[in-house]
Amino acid sequence: MDIVRDIQPLTSFRRKSAEAVRRLKTTRRPMVLTINGKAELVVQDAAAYQRLLDIAAQADAREGIRQGLEDVSQGRTRPARDVFNALRREYGIPR
């Protein structure tokens, strides 16, 4: 992040929005907008935001796999057959 270019007052963003949008698309870096000198908003182009969502989804999947492997190593799992049989009994599902 370039703090000189990527942190700007909201009023400057509004006055020069076309220029700001061009910069967002070119640099792919988010822009922090301030109100009364405090960071209040983060703006980024749609493609950069989609990449961020994709990275977050991958991280969620990796964390789920990590937790599953930890459960296996700690013996916190049951065979699927046992789980299905318990569900059949609990809900009266015939075999």
Protein backbone atom coordinates (compact mmCIF):
# COMPACT_ATOMS: atom_id res chain seq x y z
CA MET A 1 0.00 0.00 0.00
CA ASP A 2 1.23 3.44 -0.93
CA ILE A 3 0.02 5.63 1.95
CA VAL A 4 0.42 8.82 -0.07
CA ARG A 5 -1.81 7.64 -2.92
CA ASP A 6 -3.95 4.91 -1.30
CA ILE A 7 -5.23 6.88 1.71
CA GLN A 8 -7.35 9.85 0.76
CA PRO A 9 -10.14 11.98 2.15
CA LEU A 10 -13.61 11.01 0.98
CA THR A 11 -14.09 14.50 -0.41
CA SER A 12 -11.07 14.07 -2.74
CA PHE A 13 -12.41 10.72 -3.86
CA ARG A 14 -15.78 12.29 -4.70
CA ARG A 15 -14.19 15.20 -6.58
CA LYS A 16 -11.90 12.95 -8.62
CA SER A 17 -13.85 9.69 -8.69
CA ALA A 18 -13.08 8.84 -12.34
CA GLU A 19 -9.37 9.22 -11.68
CA ALA A 20 -9.65 7.15 -8.49
CA VAL A 21 -11.49 4.36 -10.32
CA ARG A 22 -8.78 4.27 -13.01
CA ARG A 23 -6.12 4.03 -10.32
CA LEU A 24 -8.00 1.26 -8.50
CA LYS A 25 -8.27 -0.79 -11.70
CA THR A 26 -4.65 -0.17 -12.66
CA THR A 27 -2.96 -0.82 -9.33
CA ARG A 28 -5.42 -3.44 -7.98
CA ARG A 29 -4.69 -1.97 -4.54
CA PRO A 30 -7.49 -0.93 -2.22
CA MET A 31 -7.94 2.71 -1.32
CA VAL A 32 -8.63 3.83 2.25
CA LEU A 33 -11.00 6.79 2.47
CA THR A 34 -10.95 9.03 5.49
CA ILE A 35 -13.58 11.20 7.10
CA ASN A 36 -12.30 13.90 9.47
CA GLY A 37 -8.85 12.30 9.31
CA LYS A 38 -10.01 8.82 10.39
CA ALA A 39 -10.04 5.75 8.17
CA GLU A 40 -13.71 4.98 7.52
CA LEU A 41 -14.02 3.13 4.21
CA VAL A 42 -12.03 0.81 1.98
CA VAL A 43 -12.74 0.85 -1.75
CA GLN A 44 -11.41 -1.58 -4.32
CA ASP A 45 -12.25 -2.68 -7.83
CA ALA A 46 -14.54 -5.68 -8.36
CA ALA A 47 -11.83 -7.99 -9.74
CA ALA A 48 -9.57 -7.38 -6.73
CA TYR A 49 -12.50 -7.98 -4.38
CA GLN A 50 -13.35 -11.26 -6.14
CA ARG A 51 -9.71 -12.38 -5.74
CA LEU A 52 -9.97 -11.57 -2.04
CA LEU A 53 -13.15 -13.66 -1.75
CA ASP A 54 -11.49 -16.56 -3.59
CA ILE A 55 -8.47 -16.45 -1.26
CA ALA A 56 -10.75 -16.41 1.78
CA ALA A 57 -12.70 -19.42 0.46
CA GLN A 58 -9.47 -21.35 -0.08
CA ALA A 59 -8.31 -20.48 3.43
CA ASP A 60 -11.65 -21.72 4.84
CA ALA A 61 -11.30 -25.00 2.95
CA ARG A 62 -7.72 -25.46 4.14
CA GLU A 63 -8.74 -24.76 7.73
CA GLY A 64 -11.56 -27.29 7.48
CA ILE A 65 -9.16 -29.92 6.18
CA ARG A 66 -6.66 -29.09 8.93
CA GLN A 67 -9.33 -29.45 11.60
CA GLY A 68 -10.52 -32.74 10.11
CA LEU A 69 -7.00 -34.15 10.09
CA GLU A 70 -6.52 -33.03 13.69
CA ASP A 71 -9.79 -34.75 14.68
CA VAL A 72 -8.55 -37.97 13.07
CA SER A 73 -5.20 -37.79 14.83
CA GLN A 74 -6.90 -37.10 18.19
CA GLY A 75 -9.37 -39.96 17.76
CA ARG A 76 -12.42 -37.68 17.58
CA THR A 77 -14.00 -39.51 14.66
CA ARG A 78 -16.45 -42.37 14.16
CA PRO A 79 -16.88 -44.69 11.21
CA ALA A 80 -19.56 -43.47 8.78
CA ARG A 81 -21.43 -46.77 9.17
CA ASP A 82 -21.86 -46.11 12.91
CA VAL A 83 -23.09 -42.57 12.26
CA PHE A 84 -25.61 -43.69 9.62
CA ASN A 85 -26.89 -46.51 11.84
CA ALA A 86 -27.35 -44.06 14.74
CA LEU A 87 -29.28 -41.67 12.46
CA ARG A 88 -31.49 -44.50 11.20
CA ARG A 89 -32.30 -45.50 14.77
CA GLU A 90 -32.90 -41.92 15.92
CA TYR A 91 -35.20 -41.01 13.05
CA GLY A 92 -36.77 -44.42 12.43
CA ILE A 93 -35.36 -44.76 8.93
CA PRO A 94 -35.62 -48.34 7.66
CA ARG A 95 -32.62 -50.03 6.14
